[in-house]
Amino acid sequence: MATELEKIISVSGKPGLFKVISAGKAAVVAESLLDGKRQPILSSQRVSTLADISMFTVEEDIALRDVLVAMKKVYDAQPCPTGLAGKELKKEFKKVLPTFDEERVYESDIKKLYTWYNLLQSCNLLDIESTEEISSENE
């Protein structure tokens, strides 16, 4: 079964990613992918679903789901390298997304993406469909 990126969230100010367990009016209950602990995420906190995030390219923005699919192919569903910085990091990321906009995609964005990819990989949540696969299923 494909991972639903709509149910995987990033919460500003909290490390890692969370899986939405249930939703209420004032909060959602989410489980940390780092330690498995459940906690309420209040409606006042800044939350982004991975399905809503995109990366800047020199052409048009590309959905994060497509970037993660590309990373899975490049790294053969294995963990990606960590500890890279500067030109090495950008050179490595060009293997995944050769057309990324180097002026608008910061080093911190790439590091966060690599951290998220490794977290999803360690939790066996890399069964992600590309936007093309999703749109062909909906036709």
Protein backbone atom coordinates (compact mmCIF):
# COMPACT_ATOMS: atom_id res chain seq x y z
CA MET A 1 0.00 0.00 0.00
CA ALA A 2 1.35 3.39 -0.98
CA THR A 3 2.37 5.87 1.69
CA GLU A 4 -0.13 8.72 1.94
CA LEU A 5 1.98 11.87 2.13
CA GLU A 6 -1.17 13.77 3.11
CA LYS A 7 -0.93 12.02 6.51
CA ILE A 8 2.77 12.74 7.06
CA ILE A 9 3.36 16.21 8.52
CA SER A 10 6.17 18.52 9.48
CA VAL A 11 5.55 20.73 12.50
CA SER A 12 7.47 23.98 12.81
CA GLY A 13 9.72 23.93 15.86
CA LYS A 14 9.57 20.14 16.30
CA PRO A 15 12.22 17.77 14.95
CA GLY A 16 11.41 15.02 12.48
CA LEU A 17 8.14 14.08 10.86
CA PHE A 18 4.81 12.96 12.26
CA LYS A 19 2.08 10.61 11.10
CA VAL A 20 -1.45 11.91 11.67
CA ILE A 21 -3.45 9.43 13.76
CA SER A 22 -6.70 11.35 14.22
CA ALA A 23 -8.01 14.88 13.82
CA GLY A 24 -10.28 17.01 15.97
CA LYS A 25 -11.45 20.62 15.95
CA ALA A 26 -8.63 22.13 18.01
CA ALA A 27 -5.84 19.61 17.43
CA VAL A 28 -4.65 16.51 15.64
CA VAL A 29 -3.05 13.57 17.35
CA ALA A 30 0.21 12.72 15.64
CA GLU A 31 2.83 10.03 16.16
CA SER A 32 6.48 10.96 15.85
CA LEU A 33 8.39 8.93 13.28
CA LEU A 34 11.52 9.47 15.38
CA ASP A 35 10.42 7.91 18.66
CA GLY A 36 6.83 6.69 18.15
CA LYS A 37 5.40 8.96 20.85
CA ARG A 38 1.96 10.42 20.26
CA GLN A 39 1.23 14.04 20.96
CA PRO A 40 -1.38 16.69 20.19
CA ILE A 41 -0.56 19.17 17.47
CA LEU A 42 -2.59 22.32 18.10
CA SER A 43 -4.30 24.26 15.33
CA SER A 44 -2.17 27.28 16.30
CA GLN A 45 1.05 25.45 15.33
CA ARG A 46 2.46 25.78 11.83
CA VAL A 47 1.98 22.43 10.07
CA SER A 48 2.77 21.32 6.52
CA THR A 49 1.83 18.00 4.96
CA LEU A 50 4.52 16.48 2.76
CA ALA A 51 1.94 16.36 -0.05
CA ASP A 52 1.74 20.18 -0.02
CA ILE A 53 5.48 20.87 -0.22
CA SER A 54 7.31 21.51 -3.48
CA MET A 55 10.86 22.35 -4.53
CA PHE A 56 11.95 25.22 -6.76
CA THR A 57 13.47 24.33 -10.12
CA VAL A 58 14.60 26.54 -13.00
CA GLU A 59 11.47 25.48 -14.89
CA GLU A 60 8.40 24.90 -12.71
CA ASP A 61 8.14 23.78 -9.10
CA ILE A 62 8.19 20.02 -8.55
CA ALA A 63 6.16 18.24 -5.88
CA LEU A 64 8.11 16.84 -2.94
CA ARG A 65 6.58 13.43 -3.65
CA ASP A 66 8.31 13.42 -7.07
CA VAL A 67 11.61 14.45 -5.47
CA LEU A 68 11.30 11.60 -2.95
CA VAL A 69 10.54 9.13 -5.76
CA ALA A 70 13.65 10.37 -7.61
CA MET A 71 15.74 10.00 -4.44
CA LYS A 72 14.47 6.46 -3.98
CA LYS A 73 15.63 5.62 -7.52
CA VAL A 74 19.01 7.34 -7.20
CA TYR A 75 19.79 5.78 -3.82
CA ASP A 76 18.18 2.41 -4.65
CA ALA A 77 15.78 2.77 -1.67
CA GLN A 78 18.80 2.87 0.67
CA PRO A 79 19.74 5.71 3.04
CA CYS A 80 21.19 8.76 1.35
CA PRO A 81 24.50 10.33 2.37
CA THR A 82 24.55 12.62 5.39
CA GLY A 83 27.09 15.11 6.67
CA LEU A 84 27.59 16.81 3.31
CA ALA A 85 27.75 20.58 3.07
CA GLY A 86 28.24 23.36 0.57
CA LYS A 87 29.24 22.43 -2.96
CA GLU A 88 29.39 18.70 -2.14
CA LEU A 89 25.78 18.74 -0.97
CA LYS A 90 24.55 20.62 -4.04
CA LYS A 91 26.55 18.32 -6.34
CA GLU A 92 24.96 15.29 -4.67
CA PHE A 93 21.48 16.80 -4.90
CA LYS A 94 21.97 17.47 -8.64
CA LYS A 95 21.98 13.67 -9.08
CA VAL A 96 18.42 13.68 -7.75
CA LEU A 97 17.08 16.93 -9.19
CA PRO A 98 19.43 18.37 -11.82
CA THR A 99 17.20 21.38 -12.50
CA PHE A 100 16.80 22.63 -8.91
CA ASP A 101 17.06 26.41 -8.55
CA GLU A 102 20.36 26.97 -6.74
CA GLU A 103 19.39 30.53 -5.76
CA ARG A 104 16.05 29.65 -4.13
CA VAL A 105 16.79 26.17 -2.71
CA TYR A 106 19.01 26.70 0.31
CA GLU A 107 21.52 24.26 1.75
CA SER A 108 19.31 23.95 4.85
CA ASP A 109 16.38 22.89 2.63
CA ILE A 110 18.44 20.12 1.05
CA LYS A 111 19.73 18.94 4.43
CA LYS A 112 16.15 18.81 5.77
CA LEU A 113 15.04 16.88 2.68
CA TYR A 114 17.85 14.34 3.15
CA THR A 115 16.94 13.98 6.83
CA TRP A 116 13.28 13.42 5.95
CA TYR A 117 14.18 10.90 3.22
CA ASN A 118 16.34 8.90 5.64
CA LEU A 119 13.59 9.00 8.27
CA LEU A 120 10.96 7.78 5.80
CA GLN A 121 13.39 5.11 4.58
CA SER A 122 14.09 3.87 8.11
CA CYS A 123 10.32 3.62 8.79
CA ASN A 124 9.67 1.78 5.47
CA LEU A 125 7.51 4.66 4.21
CA LEU A 126 9.14 5.15 0.80
CA ASP A 127 6.35 3.42 -1.11
CA ILE A 128 5.39 6.75 -2.68
CA GLU A 129 3.54 7.22 -5.95
CA SER A 130 4.63 10.03 -8.26
CA THR A 131 2.14 12.71 -9.27
CA GLU A 132 1.99 11.13 -12.74
CA GLU A 133 0.99 7.76 -11.26
CA ILE A 134 -1.69 9.42 -9.13
CA SER A 135 -3.15 11.40 -12.02
CA SER A 136 -3.29 8.31 -14.28
CA GLU A 137 -5.15 6.40 -11.53
CA ASN A 138 -7.72 9.19 -11.24
CA GLU A 139 -8.53 9.22 -14.96
